[in-house]
Amino acid sequence: GIPAVALGAGGRGGSAHTTQEWFENVDGTAGIARALTVICCAAKAGE
């Protein structure tokens, strides 16, 4: 398999992978902050 990480996107959603899938952007900046933190930590670990 392909290694992967799932990060919260800072929102709410439901009915994933169906035609009724929905997403509500609540505190969307939290997802960006999480992604940036992971990228920075990975870059530091790769030194």
Protein backbone atom coordinates (compact mmCIF):
# COMPACT_ATOMS: atom_id res chain seq x y z
CA GLY A 1 0.00 0.00 0.00
CA ILE A 2 0.83 3.66 -0.15
CA PRO A 3 1.74 5.31 3.18
CA ALA A 4 -0.76 8.02 4.12
CA VAL A 5 -1.83 10.28 6.96
CA ALA A 6 -5.37 11.54 7.55
CA LEU A 7 -5.60 14.99 9.13
CA GLY A 8 -8.73 16.73 10.28
CA ALA A 9 -9.66 19.53 7.91
CA GLY A 10 -11.17 21.78 10.53
CA GLY A 11 -14.75 21.20 9.49
CA ARG A 12 -17.71 18.88 9.77
CA GLY A 13 -18.99 16.47 7.17
CA GLY A 14 -21.11 13.45 6.60
CA SER A 15 -22.23 10.75 4.18
CA ALA A 16 -18.66 10.31 2.94
CA HIS A 17 -18.19 8.71 -0.48
CA THR A 18 -21.87 8.94 -1.40
CA THR A 19 -23.81 11.28 -3.66
CA GLN A 20 -25.11 12.98 -0.49
CA GLU A 21 -21.63 13.78 0.86
CA TRP A 22 -21.45 17.19 2.52
CA PHE A 23 -18.88 19.43 4.23
CA GLU A 24 -19.33 22.48 6.44
CA ASN A 25 -16.24 24.67 6.80
CA VAL A 26 -16.11 25.33 10.54
CA ASP A 27 -12.73 26.58 11.79
CA GLY A 28 -11.12 25.75 8.44
CA THR A 29 -7.86 27.37 9.47
CA ALA A 30 -7.31 24.50 11.91
CA GLY A 31 -6.77 22.09 9.00
CA ILE A 32 -4.19 24.40 7.43
CA ALA A 33 -2.37 24.73 10.76
CA ARG A 34 -2.32 20.93 11.23
CA ALA A 35 -0.95 20.36 7.73
CA LEU A 36 1.76 23.00 8.18
CA THR A 37 2.76 21.49 11.53
CA VAL A 38 3.11 18.02 9.98
CA ILE A 39 5.16 19.38 7.06
CA CYS A 40 7.49 21.29 9.40
CA CYS A 41 7.95 18.27 11.67
CA ALA A 42 8.65 16.00 8.70
CA ALA A 43 11.21 18.46 7.34
CA LYS A 44 12.93 18.62 10.73
CA ALA A 45 12.97 14.80 11.01
CA GLY A 46 14.58 14.55 7.58
CA GLU A 47 17.61 16.63 8.56
